[in-house]
Amino acid sequence: ANVDEVETEVVEIETKLDKLVKLCSGMIEAGKAYISANKLFVSGIRDLSQQCKKDEMISECLEKCGESLQEIINYHM
């Protein structure tokens, strides 16, 4: 391979690596937003569970749902 071919190949690889780094950064930011939204959702479920304390079955179901979602969040982190 001559120098021009190798240089062209290196530029193409560099371009693809730059693109990959940008995509990875986007995934990281999206993941952070996803985890944040999930935490807020779990908090909302827990608030609703506290509000429904008079109805033990609903309150218990909401608590279990919130705990399960929290486990998923913990796993993702």
Protein backbone atom coordinates (compact mmCIF):
# COMPACT_ATOMS: atom_id res chain seq x y z
CA ALA A 1 0.00 0.00 0.00
CA ASN A 2 1.29 3.41 -0.81
CA VAL A 3 1.38 6.36 1.56
CA ASP A 4 -1.71 8.06 0.06
CA GLU A 5 -3.85 4.94 0.56
CA VAL A 6 -2.73 4.53 4.15
CA GLU A 7 -3.31 8.21 4.87
CA THR A 8 -6.83 8.00 3.42
CA GLU A 9 -7.54 4.94 5.52
CA VAL A 10 -6.31 6.65 8.68
CA VAL A 11 -8.53 9.68 8.01
CA GLU A 12 -11.57 7.42 7.48
CA ILE A 13 -10.86 5.52 10.68
CA GLU A 14 -10.41 8.77 12.60
CA THR A 15 -13.74 10.08 11.26
CA LYS A 16 -15.55 6.89 12.24
CA LEU A 17 -13.97 6.92 15.71
CA ASP A 18 -15.02 10.54 16.24
CA LYS A 19 -18.57 9.63 15.23
CA LEU A 20 -18.54 6.65 17.59
CA VAL A 21 -17.35 8.80 20.50
CA LYS A 22 -20.17 11.29 19.84
CA LEU A 23 -22.73 8.46 19.69
CA CYS A 24 -21.40 7.04 22.94
CA SER A 25 -21.67 10.44 24.63
CA GLY A 26 -25.25 10.69 23.41
CA MET A 27 -26.04 7.27 24.86
CA ILE A 28 -24.54 8.25 28.21
CA GLU A 29 -26.60 11.46 28.36
CA ALA A 30 -29.76 9.58 27.35
CA GLY A 31 -29.05 6.99 30.04
CA LYS A 32 -28.68 9.69 32.68
CA ALA A 33 -31.97 11.25 31.61
CA TYR A 34 -33.64 7.81 31.66
CA ILE A 35 -32.43 7.06 35.19
CA SER A 36 -33.47 10.50 36.40
CA ALA A 37 -36.97 10.11 34.92
CA ASN A 38 -37.26 6.64 36.49
CA LYS A 39 -36.29 7.99 39.91
CA LEU A 40 -38.96 10.67 39.63
CA PHE A 41 -41.51 8.05 38.56
CA VAL A 42 -40.66 5.81 41.54
CA SER A 43 -40.94 8.81 43.83
CA GLY A 44 -44.39 9.52 42.39
CA ILE A 45 -45.46 5.94 42.99
CA ARG A 46 -44.26 6.13 46.59
CA ASP A 47 -46.11 9.42 47.13
CA LEU A 48 -49.29 7.87 45.76
CA SER A 49 -48.77 4.83 47.98
CA GLN A 50 -48.56 7.07 51.04
CA GLN A 51 -51.70 8.90 49.95
CA CYS A 52 -53.57 5.58 49.62
CA LYS A 53 -52.66 4.26 53.08
CA LYS A 54 -56.36 3.84 53.89
CA ASP A 55 -56.66 1.23 51.15
CA GLU A 56 -54.11 -1.35 52.26
CA MET A 57 -54.24 -3.44 49.07
CA ILE A 58 -53.59 -0.50 46.73
CA SER A 59 -50.93 0.92 49.01
CA GLU A 60 -49.16 -2.44 49.23
CA CYS A 61 -49.29 -2.96 45.44
CA LEU A 62 -47.86 0.50 44.82
CA GLU A 63 -45.09 -0.09 47.36
CA LYS A 64 -44.12 -3.39 45.75
CA CYS A 65 -44.17 -1.79 42.31
CA GLY A 66 -41.98 1.08 43.56
CA GLU A 67 -39.53 -1.34 45.17
CA SER A 68 -39.27 -3.41 41.99
CA LEU A 69 -38.63 -0.34 39.85
CA GLN A 70 -36.04 0.86 42.36
CA GLU A 71 -34.21 -2.46 42.03
CA ILE A 72 -34.15 -2.00 38.25
CA ILE A 73 -32.75 1.51 38.66
CA ASN A 74 -30.09 0.25 41.06
CA TYR A 75 -29.14 -2.45 38.55
CA HIS A 76 -28.82 0.10 35.74
CA MET A 77 -26.59 2.32 37.83
